[in-house]
Amino acid sequence: MSSTTTTRPATSTGATANRRRQARATATRTALLDAALVEFAAHGFEGASTRAIAERAGTHQPQINYHFDSKEALWRAAVDHLFARLDVTVRRHLDALPANNDRERLASEIRAFTRAVAELPELNRIMVQEATIDSDRLRWIVEQHTRPRFERLTATWRRLRRAGTVPDIDEVVLYYSLVGAASLAYVNAPEARLLSHDTMSKSFIDAHADALVILFLGSDR
């Protein structure tokens, strides 16, 4: 009786090992980006320590040098990562039913944005760190991330103003009023807890989102 032994090609084993290495590298890079967001939000670009970022990510500083060319490259990648997370979170919170018009869509987007920034307090903290001084980093954020969102929101608001279906508020005033009103309760969550109110509870976030729709668009009930 003869027997045959089937062996897997070495290329299959090598491909599996390569996929595992790539998965580990991706996981490490994501951990570094998440850790960088926390450090940059808390300390700003200059004050953030790459050693602290590596420790927070559960890895070693040479991993930062492996994945990113410089601290500036890490910062830009972290900000890209943050806005990508914002977009994913906003989409997750958008109302399931399709909106029929600009007003309904904007109401849904205000609620979704409010819920998203509650989950991503680093967004406002990084913007506060960067937006008070004109710099190359600020100009990059504006062109890459905030200007497209600003232009989309203000274009929608101008259409609604022309139609007379919203209060007659300048679109730039609307933009900063909305962004500030949506984010402060979560950026200042530690203060709110000392005032005996948990702004991170679902009931507060839902009530806050509904209140902003009423404040800026009027009651839709």
N, C-alpha and C. Protein backbone atom coordinates (compact mmCIF):
# COMPACT_ATOMS: atom_id res chain seq x y z
N MET A 1 0.86 -1.19 0.00
CA MET A 1 0.00 0.00 0.00
C MET A 1 0.89 1.23 0.00
N SER A 2 0.58 2.10 -0.88
CA SER A 2 1.39 3.32 -0.95
C SER A 2 0.59 4.48 -0.39
N SER A 3 1.26 5.44 0.07
CA SER A 3 0.59 6.63 0.61
C SER A 3 1.26 7.86 0.01
N THR A 4 0.47 8.88 -0.09
CA THR A 4 1.01 10.14 -0.61
C THR A 4 0.81 11.22 0.44
N THR A 5 1.72 12.08 0.48
CA THR A 5 1.64 13.20 1.43
C THR A 5 1.48 14.49 0.65
N THR A 6 0.41 15.21 1.00
CA THR A 6 0.15 16.48 0.33
C THR A 6 0.75 17.60 1.15
N THR A 7 1.59 18.35 0.54
CA THR A 7 2.20 19.49 1.24
C THR A 7 1.72 20.78 0.61
N ARG A 8 1.45 21.76 1.50
CA ARG A 8 1.04 23.06 1.00
C ARG A 8 2.23 23.78 0.38
N PRO A 9 2.01 24.41 -0.73
CA PRO A 9 3.12 25.16 -1.33
C PRO A 9 3.66 26.18 -0.35
N ALA A 10 4.94 26.38 -0.40
CA ALA A 10 5.56 27.35 0.49
C ALA A 10 5.01 28.74 0.28
N THR A 11 4.59 28.99 -0.95
CA THR A 11 4.06 30.32 -1.24
C THR A 11 2.80 30.59 -0.45
N SER A 12 1.97 29.54 -0.19
CA SER A 12 0.75 29.70 0.59
C SER A 12 1.07 30.06 2.03
N THR A 13 2.04 29.35 2.60
CA THR A 13 2.46 29.65 3.97
C THR A 13 3.03 31.06 4.06
N GLY A 14 3.85 31.39 3.07
CA GLY A 14 4.44 32.73 3.06
C GLY A 14 3.39 33.82 2.93
N ALA A 15 2.37 33.58 2.10
CA ALA A 15 1.31 34.58 1.92
C ALA A 15 0.53 34.77 3.21
N THR A 16 0.26 33.66 3.92
CA THR A 16 -0.46 33.75 5.19
C THR A 16 0.34 34.55 6.21
N ALA A 17 1.64 34.26 6.28
CA ALA A 17 2.49 35.00 7.21
C ALA A 17 2.54 36.47 6.85
N ASN A 18 2.56 36.76 5.56
CA ASN A 18 2.60 38.15 5.11
C ASN A 18 1.32 38.89 5.48
N ARG A 19 0.18 38.21 5.33
CA ARG A 19 -1.09 38.83 5.70
C ARG A 19 -1.14 39.12 7.20
N ARG A 20 -0.59 38.19 7.99
CA ARG A 20 -0.56 38.41 9.43
C ARG A 20 0.31 39.60 9.79
N ARG A 21 1.46 39.70 9.13
CA ARG A 21 2.34 40.84 9.39
C ARG A 21 1.65 42.15 9.01
N GLN A 22 0.97 42.13 7.87
CA GLN A 22 0.27 43.34 7.44
C GLN A 22 -0.85 43.71 8.41
N ALA A 23 -1.56 42.69 8.92
CA ALA A 23 -2.63 42.95 9.88
C ALA A 23 -2.07 43.54 11.16
N ARG A 24 -0.93 42.99 11.62
CA ARG A 24 -0.31 43.54 12.84
C ARG A 24 0.16 44.97 12.61
N ALA A 25 0.73 45.21 11.43
CA ALA A 25 1.21 46.56 11.12
C ALA A 25 0.05 47.55 11.06
N THR A 26 -1.05 47.13 10.47
CA THR A 26 -2.23 47.99 10.39
C THR A 26 -2.79 48.28 11.78
N ALA A 27 -2.85 47.24 12.62
CA ALA A 27 -3.35 47.42 13.98
C ALA A 27 -2.45 48.36 14.78
N THR A 28 -1.14 48.21 14.61
CA THR A 28 -0.21 49.09 15.32
C THR A 28 -0.36 50.52 14.85
N ARG A 29 -0.47 50.71 13.54
CA ARG A 29 -0.61 52.06 12.99
C ARG A 29 -1.89 52.72 13.51
N THR A 30 -2.99 51.97 13.53
CA THR A 30 -4.25 52.52 14.03
C THR A 30 -4.15 52.86 15.51
N ALA A 31 -3.51 52.00 16.29
CA ALA A 31 -3.32 52.28 17.72
C ALA A 31 -2.51 53.55 17.92
N LEU A 32 -1.48 53.74 17.10
CA LEU A 32 -0.67 54.95 17.19
C LEU A 32 -1.49 56.19 16.83
N LEU A 33 -2.33 56.10 15.82
CA LEU A 33 -3.16 57.23 15.43
C LEU A 33 -4.15 57.58 16.52
N ASP A 34 -4.80 56.57 17.10
CA ASP A 34 -5.75 56.83 18.19
C ASP A 34 -5.04 57.47 19.38
N ALA A 35 -3.87 56.94 19.72
CA ALA A 35 -3.11 57.51 20.84
C ALA A 35 -2.65 58.93 20.53
N ALA A 36 -2.23 59.16 19.28
CA ALA A 36 -1.78 60.50 18.89
C ALA A 36 -2.91 61.52 19.02
N LEU A 37 -4.11 61.13 18.67
CA LEU A 37 -5.24 62.05 18.79
C LEU A 37 -5.42 62.50 20.22
N VAL A 38 -5.33 61.58 21.15
CA VAL A 38 -5.50 61.93 22.57
C VAL A 38 -4.39 62.88 23.01
N GLU A 39 -3.15 62.58 22.65
CA GLU A 39 -2.01 63.40 23.07
C GLU A 39 -2.03 64.78 22.41
N PHE A 40 -2.29 64.82 21.10
CA PHE A 40 -2.32 66.10 20.42
C PHE A 40 -3.49 66.95 20.92
N ALA A 41 -4.63 66.32 21.21
CA ALA A 41 -5.78 67.05 21.72
C ALA A 41 -5.49 67.64 23.10
N ALA A 42 -4.76 66.91 23.92
CA ALA A 42 -4.49 67.35 25.28
C ALA A 42 -3.36 68.37 25.35
N HIS A 43 -2.34 68.21 24.51
CA HIS A 43 -1.12 69.01 24.68
C HIS A 43 -0.74 69.86 23.47
N GLY A 44 -1.48 69.74 22.38
CA GLY A 44 -1.09 70.46 21.17
C GLY A 44 0.07 69.79 20.48
N PHE A 45 0.38 70.27 19.27
CA PHE A 45 1.46 69.65 18.49
C PHE A 45 2.80 69.76 19.20
N GLU A 46 3.14 70.95 19.67
CA GLU A 46 4.44 71.14 20.28
C GLU A 46 4.57 70.39 21.59
N GLY A 47 3.51 70.35 22.37
CA GLY A 47 3.59 69.73 23.70
C GLY A 47 3.46 68.22 23.71
N ALA A 48 2.90 67.65 22.65
CA ALA A 48 2.70 66.20 22.62
C ALA A 48 4.03 65.48 22.50
N SER A 49 4.17 64.40 23.23
CA SER A 49 5.40 63.60 23.24
C SER A 49 5.20 62.33 22.43
N THR A 50 6.10 62.09 21.47
CA THR A 50 5.99 60.84 20.71
C THR A 50 6.23 59.63 21.61
N ARG A 51 7.04 59.79 22.65
CA ARG A 51 7.24 58.69 23.60
C ARG A 51 5.92 58.37 24.32
N ALA A 52 5.20 59.42 24.73
CA ALA A 52 3.92 59.22 25.39
C ALA A 52 2.90 58.59 24.44
N ILE A 53 2.94 58.99 23.18
CA ILE A 53 2.04 58.41 22.18
C ILE A 53 2.31 56.92 22.03
N ALA A 54 3.58 56.54 21.93
CA ALA A 54 3.93 55.12 21.80
C ALA A 54 3.50 54.34 23.02
N GLU A 55 3.71 54.90 24.21
CA GLU A 55 3.32 54.21 25.43
C GLU A 55 1.81 54.04 25.49
N ARG A 56 1.06 55.09 25.11
CA ARG A 56 -0.40 55.00 25.13
C ARG A 56 -0.88 53.94 24.14
N ALA A 57 -0.17 53.80 23.04
CA ALA A 57 -0.55 52.81 22.02
C ALA A 57 -0.10 51.40 22.37
N GLY A 58 0.67 51.26 23.46
CA GLY A 58 1.15 49.94 23.87
C GLY A 58 2.26 49.41 23.00
N THR A 59 3.07 50.33 22.46
CA THR A 59 4.17 49.91 21.61
C THR A 59 5.40 50.74 21.95
N HIS A 60 6.40 50.74 21.07
CA HIS A 60 7.65 51.44 21.35
C HIS A 60 7.85 52.56 20.34
N GLN A 61 8.62 53.57 20.73
CA GLN A 61 8.81 54.75 19.90
C GLN A 61 9.35 54.43 18.50
N PRO A 62 10.24 53.45 18.33
CA PRO A 62 10.69 53.15 16.96
C PRO A 62 9.56 52.79 16.01
N GLN A 63 8.43 52.31 16.53
CA GLN A 63 7.29 52.02 15.67
C GLN A 63 6.75 53.29 15.02
N ILE A 64 6.83 54.42 15.73
CA ILE A 64 6.40 55.69 15.14
C ILE A 64 7.31 56.02 13.96
N ASN A 65 8.61 55.86 14.15
CA ASN A 65 9.56 56.15 13.07
C ASN A 65 9.37 55.21 11.89
N TYR A 66 8.92 53.98 12.16
CA TYR A 66 8.69 53.01 11.10
C TYR A 66 7.47 53.39 10.25
N HIS A 67 6.41 53.84 10.93
CA HIS A 67 5.14 54.11 10.22
C HIS A 67 5.02 55.53 9.69
N PHE A 68 5.77 56.47 10.28
CA PHE A 68 5.59 57.88 9.91
C PHE A 68 6.96 58.53 9.73
N ASP A 69 7.06 59.39 8.74
CA ASP A 69 8.34 60.02 8.41
C ASP A 69 8.79 61.01 9.47
N SER A 70 7.81 61.63 10.17
CA SER A 70 8.14 62.67 11.13
C SER A 70 6.96 62.87 12.08
N LYS A 71 7.17 63.68 13.09
CA LYS A 71 6.07 64.03 14.00
C LYS A 71 4.98 64.76 13.24
N GLU A 72 5.37 65.62 12.30
CA GLU A 72 4.39 66.33 11.48
C GLU A 72 3.57 65.35 10.64
N ALA A 73 4.22 64.33 10.09
CA ALA A 73 3.49 63.33 9.31
C ALA A 73 2.53 62.55 10.19
N LEU A 74 2.96 62.25 11.41
CA LEU A 74 2.07 61.56 12.37
C LEU A 74 0.87 62.44 12.68
N TRP A 75 1.10 63.73 12.91
CA TRP A 75 0.00 64.65 13.23
C TRP A 75 -1.00 64.71 12.07
N ARG A 76 -0.50 64.85 10.85
CA ARG A 76 -1.41 64.93 9.71
C ARG A 76 -2.20 63.64 9.53
N ALA A 77 -1.53 62.51 9.70
CA ALA A 77 -2.22 61.23 9.58
C ALA A 77 -3.27 61.08 10.68
N ALA A 78 -2.95 61.57 11.88
CA ALA A 78 -3.90 61.48 12.99
C ALA A 78 -5.12 62.35 12.72
N VAL A 79 -4.91 63.55 12.17
CA VAL A 79 -6.04 64.43 11.86
C VAL A 79 -6.89 63.83 10.73
N ASP A 80 -6.25 63.27 9.70
CA ASP A 80 -7.00 62.56 8.66
C ASP A 80 -7.84 61.45 9.28
N HIS A 81 -7.22 60.70 10.18
CA HIS A 81 -7.89 59.59 10.87
C HIS A 81 -9.08 60.11 11.67
N LEU A 82 -8.91 61.24 12.33
CA LEU A 82 -9.98 61.82 13.14
C LEU A 82 -11.18 62.21 12.28
N PHE A 83 -10.93 62.90 11.17
CA PHE A 83 -12.05 63.32 10.32
C PHE A 83 -12.70 62.14 9.62
N ALA A 84 -11.92 61.10 9.32
CA ALA A 84 -12.52 59.88 8.77
C ALA A 84 -13.44 59.24 9.80
N ARG A 85 -13.00 59.21 11.05
CA ARG A 85 -13.86 58.69 12.11
C ARG A 85 -15.11 59.54 12.28
N LEU A 86 -14.95 60.85 12.16
CA LEU A 86 -16.12 61.74 12.24
C LEU A 86 -17.13 61.40 11.16
N ASP A 87 -16.67 61.25 9.92
CA ASP A 87 -17.59 60.96 8.82
C ASP A 87 -18.30 59.63 9.02
N VAL A 88 -17.55 58.62 9.47
CA VAL A 88 -18.16 57.31 9.72
C VAL A 88 -19.20 57.41 10.83
N THR A 89 -18.88 58.14 11.89
CA THR A 89 -19.79 58.27 13.02
C THR A 89 -21.03 59.06 12.64
N VAL A 90 -20.86 60.11 11.87
CA VAL A 90 -22.02 60.88 11.41
C VAL A 90 -22.94 60.00 10.57
N ARG A 91 -22.36 59.24 9.64
CA ARG A 91 -23.20 58.36 8.81
C ARG A 91 -23.94 57.34 9.65
N ARG A 92 -23.30 56.85 10.67
CA ARG A 92 -23.94 55.86 11.55
C ARG A 92 -25.15 56.44 12.27
N HIS A 93 -25.08 57.73 12.57
CA HIS A 93 -26.16 58.36 13.33
C HIS A 93 -27.21 59.04 12.47
N LEU A 94 -27.01 59.08 11.16
CA LEU A 94 -28.01 59.72 10.31
C LEU A 94 -29.32 58.95 10.38
N ASP A 95 -30.41 59.68 10.32
CA ASP A 95 -31.73 59.05 10.35
C ASP A 95 -31.85 58.03 9.23
N ALA A 96 -32.50 56.92 9.53
CA ALA A 96 -32.63 55.85 8.54
C ALA A 96 -33.52 56.26 7.37
N LEU A 97 -34.56 57.05 7.65
CA LEU A 97 -35.48 57.43 6.58
C LEU A 97 -34.86 58.53 5.72
N PRO A 98 -34.98 58.41 4.41
CA PRO A 98 -34.41 59.43 3.54
C PRO A 98 -35.12 60.77 3.72
N ALA A 99 -34.35 61.85 3.72
CA ALA A 99 -34.94 63.18 3.87
C ALA A 99 -35.49 63.66 2.54
N ASN A 100 -36.58 64.41 2.61
CA ASN A 100 -37.25 64.85 1.39
C ASN A 100 -36.77 66.20 0.90
N ASN A 101 -36.14 66.98 1.77
CA ASN A 101 -35.75 68.34 1.38
C ASN A 101 -34.56 68.78 2.20
N ASP A 102 -34.04 69.98 1.87
CA ASP A 102 -32.86 70.49 2.55
C ASP A 102 -33.08 70.62 4.05
N ARG A 103 -34.23 71.10 4.44
CA ARG A 103 -34.48 71.32 5.87
C ARG A 103 -34.46 70.01 6.65
N GLU A 104 -35.11 69.01 6.12
CA GLU A 104 -35.14 67.71 6.80
C GLU A 104 -33.75 67.09 6.82
N ARG A 105 -33.02 67.21 5.72
CA ARG A 105 -31.66 66.67 5.69
C ARG A 105 -30.77 67.37 6.70
N LEU A 106 -30.88 68.70 6.76
CA LEU A 106 -30.05 69.44 7.70
C LEU A 106 -30.41 69.10 9.15
N ALA A 107 -31.69 68.94 9.44
CA ALA A 107 -32.09 68.54 10.79
C ALA A 107 -31.47 67.19 11.16
N SER A 108 -31.51 66.26 10.22
CA SER A 108 -30.92 64.94 10.46
C SER A 108 -29.41 65.05 10.65
N GLU A 109 -28.77 65.90 9.84
CA GLU A 109 -27.32 66.05 9.94
C GLU A 109 -26.90 66.74 11.24
N ILE A 110 -27.70 67.70 11.71
CA ILE A 110 -27.40 68.35 12.99
C ILE A 110 -27.45 67.33 14.12
N ARG A 111 -28.48 66.51 14.12
CA ARG A 111 -28.58 65.48 15.16
C ARG A 111 -27.40 64.51 15.07
N ALA A 112 -27.07 64.09 13.85
CA ALA A 112 -25.97 63.14 13.69
C ALA A 112 -24.64 63.75 14.09
N PHE A 113 -24.41 65.01 13.71
CA PHE A 113 -23.15 65.68 14.06
C PHE A 113 -23.03 65.83 15.57
N THR A 114 -24.10 66.19 16.23
CA THR A 114 -24.07 66.34 17.69
C THR A 114 -23.72 65.03 18.36
N ARG A 115 -24.32 63.95 17.92
CA ARG A 115 -24.02 62.64 18.50
C ARG A 115 -22.59 62.22 18.19
N ALA A 116 -22.10 62.59 17.00
CA ALA A 116 -20.74 62.23 16.62
C ALA A 116 -19.71 62.96 17.48
N VAL A 117 -19.88 64.27 17.67
CA VAL A 117 -18.88 65.00 18.45
C VAL A 117 -18.92 64.59 19.91
N ALA A 118 -20.06 64.08 20.38
CA ALA A 118 -20.10 63.54 21.74
C ALA A 118 -19.16 62.34 21.87
N GLU A 119 -19.03 61.58 20.80
CA GLU A 119 -18.15 60.42 20.80
C GLU A 119 -16.70 60.79 20.49
N LEU A 120 -16.47 61.97 19.93
CA LEU A 120 -15.13 62.36 19.48
C LEU A 120 -14.75 63.73 20.06
N PRO A 121 -14.62 63.85 21.38
CA PRO A 121 -14.26 65.16 21.94
C PRO A 121 -12.90 65.66 21.48
N GLU A 122 -12.03 64.74 21.00
CA GLU A 122 -10.72 65.17 20.50
C GLU A 122 -10.86 66.12 19.31
N LEU A 123 -11.96 66.03 18.57
CA LEU A 123 -12.14 66.88 17.40
C LEU A 123 -12.09 68.35 17.79
N ASN A 124 -12.94 68.75 18.74
CA ASN A 124 -12.97 70.14 19.13
C ASN A 124 -11.68 70.54 19.84
N ARG A 125 -11.11 69.65 20.63
CA ARG A 125 -9.89 69.98 21.37
C ARG A 125 -8.72 70.24 20.42
N ILE A 126 -8.61 69.42 19.38
CA ILE A 126 -7.53 69.65 18.41
C ILE A 126 -7.77 70.94 17.63
N MET A 127 -9.03 71.22 17.27
CA MET A 127 -9.31 72.45 16.56
C MET A 127 -9.01 73.66 17.43
N VAL A 128 -9.32 73.60 18.72
CA VAL A 128 -8.99 74.71 19.62
C VAL A 128 -7.49 74.88 19.72
N GLN A 129 -6.76 73.74 19.77
CA GLN A 129 -5.30 73.83 19.82
C GLN A 129 -4.73 74.51 18.59
N GLU A 130 -5.29 74.25 17.42
CA GLU A 130 -4.70 74.70 16.17
C GLU A 130 -5.30 75.99 15.62
N ALA A 131 -6.57 76.26 15.91
CA ALA A 131 -7.29 77.30 15.18
C ALA A 131 -7.06 78.71 15.71
N THR A 132 -6.36 78.85 16.83
CA THR A 132 -6.18 80.19 17.40
C THR A 132 -4.98 80.92 16.83
N ILE A 133 -4.11 80.23 16.10
CA ILE A 133 -2.91 80.84 15.52
C ILE A 133 -2.79 80.40 14.07
N ASP A 134 -2.59 81.37 13.17
CA ASP A 134 -2.38 81.04 11.76
C ASP A 134 -1.06 80.28 11.62
N SER A 135 -1.12 79.14 11.00
CA SER A 135 0.08 78.31 10.84
C SER A 135 -0.11 77.41 9.62
N ASP A 136 0.95 76.76 9.22
CA ASP A 136 0.86 75.81 8.10
C ASP A 136 -0.07 74.66 8.46
N ARG A 137 -0.04 74.23 9.71
CA ARG A 137 -0.93 73.13 10.11
C ARG A 137 -2.39 73.55 10.02
N LEU A 138 -2.69 74.77 10.48
CA LEU A 138 -4.07 75.25 10.41
C LEU A 138 -4.52 75.38 8.96
N ARG A 139 -3.66 75.93 8.11
CA ARG A 139 -4.04 76.08 6.70
C ARG A 139 -4.29 74.71 6.07
N TRP A 140 -3.51 73.72 6.46
CA TRP A 140 -3.71 72.37 5.93
C TRP A 140 -5.04 71.80 6.39
N ILE A 141 -5.38 71.96 7.68
CA ILE A 141 -6.66 71.46 8.18
C ILE A 141 -7.81 72.13 7.43
N VAL A 142 -7.73 73.44 7.27
CA VAL A 142 -8.81 74.17 6.62
C VAL A 142 -9.02 73.66 5.20
N GLU A 143 -7.95 73.53 4.44
CA GLU A 143 -8.09 73.12 3.04
C GLU A 143 -8.49 71.66 2.90
N GLN A 144 -7.96 70.82 3.75
CA GLN A 144 -8.22 69.38 3.63
C GLN A 144 -9.56 68.97 4.24
N HIS A 145 -9.97 69.64 5.31
CA HIS A 145 -11.08 69.10 6.09
C HIS A 145 -12.20 70.10 6.39
N THR A 146 -11.88 71.28 6.92
CA THR A 146 -12.97 72.13 7.37
C THR A 146 -13.63 72.92 6.24
N ARG A 147 -12.85 73.38 5.25
CA ARG A 147 -13.47 74.15 4.18
C ARG A 147 -14.54 73.37 3.42
N PRO A 148 -14.31 72.12 3.02
CA PRO A 148 -15.38 71.39 2.31
C PRO A 148 -16.64 71.27 3.15
N ARG A 149 -16.50 71.05 4.45
CA ARG A 149 -17.67 70.93 5.32
C ARG A 149 -18.35 72.28 5.50
N PHE A 150 -17.54 73.32 5.68
CA PHE A 150 -18.07 74.68 5.80
C PHE A 150 -18.86 75.06 4.55
N GLU A 151 -18.30 74.83 3.38
CA GLU A 151 -18.97 75.23 2.15
C GLU A 151 -20.25 74.45 1.92
N ARG A 152 -20.24 73.18 2.28
CA ARG A 152 -21.45 72.37 2.11
C ARG A 152 -22.57 72.88 3.02
N LEU A 153 -22.24 73.13 4.30
CA LEU A 153 -23.26 73.60 5.23
C LEU A 153 -23.78 74.97 4.86
N THR A 154 -22.87 75.90 4.53
CA THR A 154 -23.32 77.25 4.23
C THR A 154 -24.11 77.32 2.93
N ALA A 155 -23.79 76.46 1.96
CA ALA A 155 -24.57 76.44 0.73
C ALA A 155 -26.01 75.98 1.02
N THR A 156 -26.14 74.95 1.85
CA THR A 156 -27.47 74.48 2.23
C THR A 156 -28.23 75.58 2.97
N TRP A 157 -27.54 76.25 3.88
CA TRP A 157 -28.20 77.30 4.68
C TRP A 157 -28.64 78.46 3.80
N ARG A 158 -27.83 78.84 2.81
CA ARG A 158 -28.23 79.93 1.91
C ARG A 158 -29.49 79.57 1.15
N ARG A 159 -29.60 78.33 0.71
CA ARG A 159 -30.82 77.91 -0.01
C ARG A 159 -32.03 78.00 0.92
N LEU A 160 -31.87 77.58 2.15
CA LEU A 160 -32.98 77.62 3.11
C LEU A 160 -33.35 79.06 3.45
N ARG A 161 -32.36 79.94 3.57
CA ARG A 161 -32.66 81.35 3.85
C ARG A 161 -33.44 81.96 2.68
N ARG A 162 -33.00 81.66 1.45
CA ARG A 162 -33.71 82.21 0.29
C ARG A 162 -35.15 81.71 0.24
N ALA A 163 -35.34 80.47 0.68
CA ALA A 163 -36.70 79.91 0.67
C ALA A 163 -37.53 80.41 1.84
N GLY A 164 -36.89 81.07 2.80
CA GLY A 164 -37.62 81.60 3.95
C GLY A 164 -38.07 80.54 4.93
N THR A 165 -37.40 79.38 4.94
CA THR A 165 -37.83 78.28 5.81
C THR A 165 -37.00 78.16 7.08
N VAL A 166 -36.00 79.05 7.25
CA VAL A 166 -35.19 79.06 8.47
C VAL A 166 -35.03 80.50 8.92
N PRO A 167 -34.61 80.71 10.16
CA PRO A 167 -34.36 82.09 10.60
C PRO A 167 -33.33 82.78 9.72
N ASP A 168 -33.41 84.10 9.64
CA ASP A 168 -32.52 84.87 8.76
C ASP A 168 -31.19 85.11 9.49
N ILE A 169 -30.38 84.05 9.56
CA ILE A 169 -29.08 84.10 10.23
C ILE A 169 -28.01 83.95 9.17
N ASP A 170 -27.00 84.82 9.22
CA ASP A 170 -25.87 84.73 8.31
C ASP A 170 -25.25 83.34 8.39
N GLU A 171 -24.84 82.80 7.25
CA GLU A 171 -24.35 81.42 7.23
C GLU A 171 -23.06 81.21 8.02
N VAL A 172 -22.19 82.24 8.06
CA VAL A 172 -20.96 82.10 8.84
C VAL A 172 -21.29 82.11 10.33
N VAL A 173 -22.20 82.98 10.72
CA VAL A 173 -22.67 82.99 12.11
C VAL A 173 -23.28 81.63 12.45
N LEU A 174 -24.08 81.11 11.54
CA LEU A 174 -24.69 79.80 11.75
C LEU A 174 -23.64 78.72 11.94
N TYR A 175 -22.61 78.73 11.10
CA TYR A 175 -21.58 77.68 11.16
C TYR A 175 -20.90 77.65 12.52
N TYR A 176 -20.42 78.81 12.98
CA TYR A 176 -19.69 78.81 14.24
C TYR A 176 -20.62 78.62 15.44
N SER A 177 -21.84 79.11 15.34
CA SER A 177 -22.79 78.90 16.42
C SER A 177 -23.13 77.42 16.56
N LEU A 178 -23.33 76.76 15.43
CA LEU A 178 -23.68 75.34 15.46
C LEU A 178 -22.53 74.49 15.95
N VAL A 179 -21.32 74.71 15.41
CA VAL A 179 -20.17 73.90 15.83
C VAL A 179 -19.90 74.08 17.32
N GLY A 180 -19.95 75.33 17.78
CA GLY A 180 -19.71 75.58 19.20
C GLY A 180 -20.79 74.98 20.08
N ALA A 181 -22.04 75.18 19.70
CA ALA A 181 -23.14 74.67 20.52
C ALA A 181 -23.16 73.15 20.55
N ALA A 182 -22.75 72.52 19.46
CA ALA A 182 -22.79 71.06 19.40
C ALA A 182 -21.69 70.42 20.22
N SER A 183 -20.56 71.10 20.39
CA SER A 183 -19.38 70.43 20.96
C SER A 183 -19.07 70.76 22.41
N LEU A 184 -19.44 71.94 22.88
CA LEU A 184 -18.95 72.40 24.19
C LEU A 184 -19.36 71.47 25.33
N ALA A 185 -20.57 70.95 25.30
CA ALA A 185 -21.04 70.12 26.40
C ALA A 185 -20.18 68.87 26.58
N TYR A 186 -19.55 68.41 25.51
CA TYR A 186 -18.76 67.17 25.58
C TYR A 186 -17.29 67.45 25.82
N VAL A 187 -16.80 68.56 25.28
CA VAL A 187 -15.44 68.99 25.59
C VAL A 187 -15.34 69.32 27.07
N ASN A 188 -16.39 69.94 27.62
CA ASN A 188 -16.41 70.34 29.02
C ASN A 188 -17.13 69.33 29.90
N ALA A 189 -17.14 68.07 29.48
CA ALA A 189 -17.84 67.04 30.26
C ALA A 189 -17.36 66.94 31.71
N PRO A 190 -16.04 67.06 32.00
CA PRO A 190 -15.63 67.02 33.41
C PRO A 190 -16.26 68.13 34.25
N GLU A 191 -16.35 69.34 33.69
CA GLU A 191 -17.01 70.44 34.41
C GLU A 191 -18.48 70.10 34.63
N ALA A 192 -19.13 69.57 33.60
CA ALA A 192 -20.55 69.25 33.70
C ALA A 192 -20.81 68.23 34.81
N ARG A 193 -19.89 67.25 34.93
CA ARG A 193 -20.07 66.26 36.00
C ARG A 193 -19.98 66.90 37.37
N LEU A 194 -19.12 67.90 37.53
CA LEU A 194 -19.03 68.62 38.80
C LEU A 194 -20.29 69.44 39.07
N LEU A 195 -20.98 69.80 37.99
CA LEU A 195 -22.26 70.49 38.14
C LEU A 195 -23.41 69.51 38.28
N SER A 196 -23.05 68.22 38.49
CA SER A 196 -24.04 67.16 38.73
C SER A 196 -24.87 66.83 37.51
N HIS A 197 -24.24 66.91 36.34
CA HIS A 197 -24.97 66.51 35.14
C HIS A 197 -24.04 65.73 34.22
N ASP A 198 -24.51 64.58 33.79
CA ASP A 198 -23.72 63.73 32.91
C ASP A 198 -24.07 64.02 31.47
N THR A 199 -23.26 64.84 30.83
CA THR A 199 -23.55 65.18 29.43
C THR A 199 -23.24 64.04 28.48
N MET A 200 -22.60 62.97 28.97
CA MET A 200 -22.27 61.85 28.11
C MET A 200 -23.36 60.78 28.11
N SER A 201 -24.44 61.00 28.84
CA SER A 201 -25.52 60.02 28.85
C SER A 201 -26.31 60.11 27.55
N LYS A 202 -26.88 59.00 27.13
CA LYS A 202 -27.64 58.99 25.88
C LYS A 202 -28.83 59.94 25.95
N SER A 203 -29.48 60.00 27.11
CA SER A 203 -30.65 60.87 27.23
C SER A 203 -30.28 62.34 27.03
N PHE A 204 -29.12 62.75 27.58
CA PHE A 204 -28.69 64.14 27.39
C PHE A 204 -28.34 64.38 25.93
N ILE A 205 -27.58 63.48 25.33
CA ILE A 205 -27.14 63.68 23.94
C ILE A 205 -28.33 63.78 23.01
N ASP A 206 -29.31 62.90 23.19
CA ASP A 206 -30.50 62.95 22.35
C ASP A 206 -31.26 64.26 22.54
N ALA A 207 -31.42 64.67 23.81
CA ALA A 207 -32.13 65.92 24.08
C ALA A 207 -31.37 67.12 23.53
N HIS A 208 -30.06 67.07 23.64
CA HIS A 208 -29.22 68.15 23.12
C HIS A 208 -29.36 68.24 21.60
N ALA A 209 -29.29 67.11 20.91
CA ALA A 209 -29.42 67.10 19.45
C ALA A 209 -30.77 67.67 19.01
N ASP A 210 -31.83 67.26 19.69
CA ASP A 210 -33.16 67.77 19.34
C ASP A 210 -33.25 69.27 19.62
N ALA A 211 -32.64 69.71 20.73
CA ALA A 211 -32.69 71.13 21.07
C ALA A 211 -31.99 71.99 20.02
N LEU A 212 -30.88 71.51 19.49
CA LEU A 212 -30.16 72.28 18.47
C LEU A 212 -30.98 72.41 17.19
N VAL A 213 -31.69 71.36 16.84
CA VAL A 213 -32.55 71.44 15.65
C VAL A 213 -33.62 72.51 15.86
N ILE A 214 -34.21 72.53 17.05
CA ILE A 214 -35.24 73.54 17.33
C ILE A 214 -34.64 74.94 17.34
N LEU A 215 -33.46 75.09 17.95
CA LEU A 215 -32.83 76.40 18.04
C LEU A 215 -32.51 76.98 16.66
N PHE A 216 -31.97 76.14 15.78
CA PHE A 216 -31.52 76.66 14.49
C PHE A 216 -32.56 76.54 13.38
N LEU A 217 -33.44 75.56 13.46
CA LEU A 217 -34.40 75.35 12.38
C LEU A 217 -35.84 75.59 12.79
N GLY A 218 -36.09 75.68 14.09
CA GLY A 218 -37.46 75.76 14.56
C GLY A 218 -38.03 74.36 14.73
N SER A 219 -39.10 74.26 15.46
CA SER A 219 -39.69 72.96 15.74
C SER A 219 -40.21 72.34 14.46
N ASP A 220 -39.92 71.02 14.30
CA ASP A 220 -40.44 70.31 13.12
C ASP A 220 -41.63 69.44 13.50
N ARG A 221 -42.18 69.70 14.66
CA ARG A 221 -43.34 68.91 15.10
C ARG A 221 -44.61 69.71 14.87
